[in-house]
C-alpha atoms as a PDB file:
ATOM      1  CA  MET A   1     242.949   2.873  63.433  1.00  0.00           C
ATOM      2  CA  PHE A   2     243.751   6.834  62.844  1.00  0.00           C
ATOM      3  CA  THR A   3     247.036   8.258  63.851  1.00  0.00           C
ATOM      4  CA  ALA A   4     247.691  11.977  65.108  1.00  0.00           C
ATOM      5  CA  ALA A   5     248.415  13.051  61.522  1.00  0.00           C
ATOM      6  CA  ASP A   6     245.049  11.940  60.304  1.00  0.00           C
ATOM      7  CA  VAL A   7     243.218  13.831  62.258  1.00  0.00           C
ATOM      8  CA  ILE A   8     242.468  17.454  60.734  1.00  0.00           C
ATOM      9  CA  TYR A   9     240.355  18.791  63.766  1.00  0.00           C
ATOM     10  CA  ALA A  10     239.353  17.612  67.173  1.00  0.00           C
ATOM     11  CA  HIS A  11     236.442  18.676  69.290  1.00  0.00           C
ATOM     12  CA  THR A  12     235.825  17.496  72.739  1.00  0.00           C
ATOM     13  CA  ARG A  13     232.404  17.103  74.115  1.00  0.00           C
ATOM     14  CA  ALA A  14     232.967  19.961  76.902  1.00  0.00           C
ATOM     15  CA  ARG A  15     234.242  22.243  73.993  1.00  0.00           C
ATOM     16  CA  ALA A  16     231.264  21.379  71.807  1.00  0.00           C
ATOM     17  CA  ILE A  17     228.712  22.183  74.845  1.00  0.00           C
ATOM     18  CA  GLU A  18     230.983  25.564  75.479  1.00  0.00           C
ATOM     19  CA  ASP A  19     230.495  26.497  72.031  1.00  0.00           C
ATOM     20  CA  THR A  20     226.807  25.272  71.598  1.00  0.00           C
ATOM     21  CA  VAL A  21     227.202  22.862  68.957  1.00  0.00           C
ATOM     22  CA  LEU A  22     225.999  20.435  71.604  1.00  0.00           C
ATOM     23  CA  VAL A  23     223.162  21.077  74.153  1.00  0.00           C
ATOM     24  CA  ASP A  24     223.453  18.839  77.215  1.00  0.00           C
ATOM     25  CA  VAL A  25     220.425  17.202  78.518  1.00  0.00           C
ATOM     26  CA  SER A  26     221.587  15.000  80.903  1.00  0.00           C
ATOM     27  CA  GLY A  27     219.852  16.200  84.135  1.00  0.00           C
ATOM     28  CA  GLN A  28     216.698  16.506  82.253  1.00  0.00           C
ATOM     29  CA  VAL A  29     216.655  12.851  80.839  1.00  0.00           C
ATOM     30  CA  ARG A  30     217.563  11.255  84.176  1.00  0.00           C
ATOM     31  CA  GLU A  31     213.484  11.610  84.656  1.00  0.00           C
ATOM     32  CA  ALA A  32     213.420   9.147  81.592  1.00  0.00           C
ATOM     33  CA  GLY A  33     215.556   6.678  83.059  1.00  0.00           C
ATOM     34  CA  PHE A  34     218.838   7.566  81.654  1.00  0.00           C
ATOM     35  CA  CYS A  35     221.981   7.183  83.644  1.00  0.00           C
ATOM     36  CA  ILE A  36     224.962   8.111  81.245  1.00  0.00           C
ATOM     37  CA  PRO A  37     225.634  11.903  79.966  1.00  0.00           C
ATOM     38  CA  VAL A  38     223.196  12.667  77.179  1.00  0.00           C
ATOM     39  CA  ALA A  39     223.795  15.468  74.464  1.00  0.00           C
ATOM     40  CA  LEU A  40     221.752  16.819  71.503  1.00  0.00           C
ATOM     41  CA  THR A  41     223.312  18.321  68.467  1.00  0.00           C
ATOM     42  CA  GLU A  42     221.980  22.304  68.526  1.00  0.00           C
ATOM     43  CA  ARG A  43     219.710  21.295  65.242  1.00  0.00           C
ATOM     44  CA  VAL A  44     218.042  18.299  67.298  1.00  0.00           C
ATOM     45  CA  TRP A  45     217.244  20.633  70.090  1.00  0.00           C
ATOM     46  CA  THR A  46     215.705  23.248  67.928  1.00  0.00           C
ATOM     47  CA  GLU A  47     213.670  21.123  65.950  1.00  0.00           C
ATOM     48  CA  CYS A  48     212.810  18.921  68.344  1.00  0.00           C
ATOM     49  CA  VAL A  49     212.839  19.778  72.075  1.00  0.00           C
ATOM     50  CA  GLU A  50     212.883  23.678  72.367  1.00  0.00           C
ATOM     51  CA  TRP A  51     209.641  25.606  72.179  1.00  0.00           C
ATOM     52  CA  PRO A  52     209.298  28.872  70.463  1.00  0.00           C
ATOM     53  CA  GLU A  53     208.292  31.887  72.785  1.00  0.00           C
ATOM     54  CA  THR A  54     205.167  32.254  70.869  1.00  0.00           C
ATOM     55  CA  GLU A  55     203.948  28.927  71.901  1.00  0.00           C
ATOM     56  CA  ALA A  56     204.910  28.837  75.702  1.00  0.00           C
ATOM     57  CA  ALA A  57     201.597  28.644  77.004  1.00  0.00           C
ATOM     58  CA  ILE A  58     200.653  25.488  74.796  1.00  0.00           C
ATOM     59  CA  GLN A  59     203.570  23.444  76.583  1.00  0.00           C
ATOM     60  CA  ASP A  60     206.717  23.853  78.470  1.00  0.00           C
ATOM     61  CA  GLU A  61     210.147  22.217  77.609  1.00  0.00           C
ATOM     62  CA  SER A  62     210.164  19.682  80.439  1.00  0.00           C
ATOM     63  CA  ALA A  63     207.311  17.817  78.970  1.00  0.00           C
ATOM     64  CA  GLY A  64     208.827  16.414  76.053  1.00  0.00           C
ATOM     65  CA  TYR A  65     211.806  14.932  77.805  1.00  0.00           C
ATOM     66  CA  GLY A  66     209.741  11.600  78.397  1.00  0.00           C
ATOM     67  CA  THR A  67     208.851  11.183  74.936  1.00  0.00           C
ATOM     68  CA  SER A  68     211.730  12.409  73.096  1.00  0.00           C
ATOM     69  CA  CYS A  69     214.230  10.414  75.329  1.00  0.00           C
ATOM     70  CA  SER A  70     212.583   6.845  75.646  1.00  0.00           C
ATOM     71  CA  LEU A  71     214.162   4.006  74.248  1.00  0.00           C
ATOM     72  CA  PRO A  72     213.319   0.362  73.931  1.00  0.00           C
ATOM     73  CA  PRO A  73     214.780  -1.789  76.732  1.00  0.00           C
ATOM     74  CA  SER A  74     218.576  -2.488  76.994  1.00  0.00           C
ATOM     75  CA  PRO A  75     219.342  -5.592  74.820  1.00  0.00           C
ATOM     76  CA  LEU A  76     221.137  -6.376  78.077  1.00  0.00           C
ATOM     77  CA  GLU A  77     217.592  -7.013  80.108  1.00  0.00           C
ATOM     78  CA  PRO A  78     215.981 -10.242  79.554  1.00  0.00           C
ATOM     79  CA  LEU A  79     212.796 -10.289  77.673  1.00  0.00           C
ATOM     80  CA  PRO A  80     209.545 -10.942  79.174  1.00  0.00           C
ATOM     81  CA  VAL A  81     208.609 -14.662  79.072  1.00  0.00           C
ATOM     82  CA  ALA A  82     205.803 -14.964  76.498  1.00  0.00           C
ATOM     83  CA  THR A  83     202.758 -17.338  77.256  1.00  0.00           C
ATOM     84  CA  PRO A  84     201.670 -19.343  74.461  1.00  0.00           C
ATOM     85  CA  ILE A  85     198.068 -18.892  73.069  1.00  0.00           C
ATOM     86  CA  ASP A  86     195.784 -21.992  73.039  1.00  0.00           C
ATOM     87  CA  THR A  87     194.455 -22.741  69.363  1.00  0.00           C
ATOM     88  CA  PRO A  88     191.490 -25.100  69.266  1.00  0.00           C
END
């Protein structure tokens, strides 16, 4: 697809986390059922997850993971069997 000559710049996940371009939330989202590494962009973290110090008494950051990190069932999981509805 691409050759080494096509790549202008490459940034690894580890380096992006080190540079704070990404925020690793893998540990926190395990509560929501994720079993793979998860990272958010710095912008998503600050605008959607992080709580300002002025609002710390309202809610702590850990309370937002369940809703912000919930996903629909995996496409590999079977769908529940629907029961037919009797119509007159």
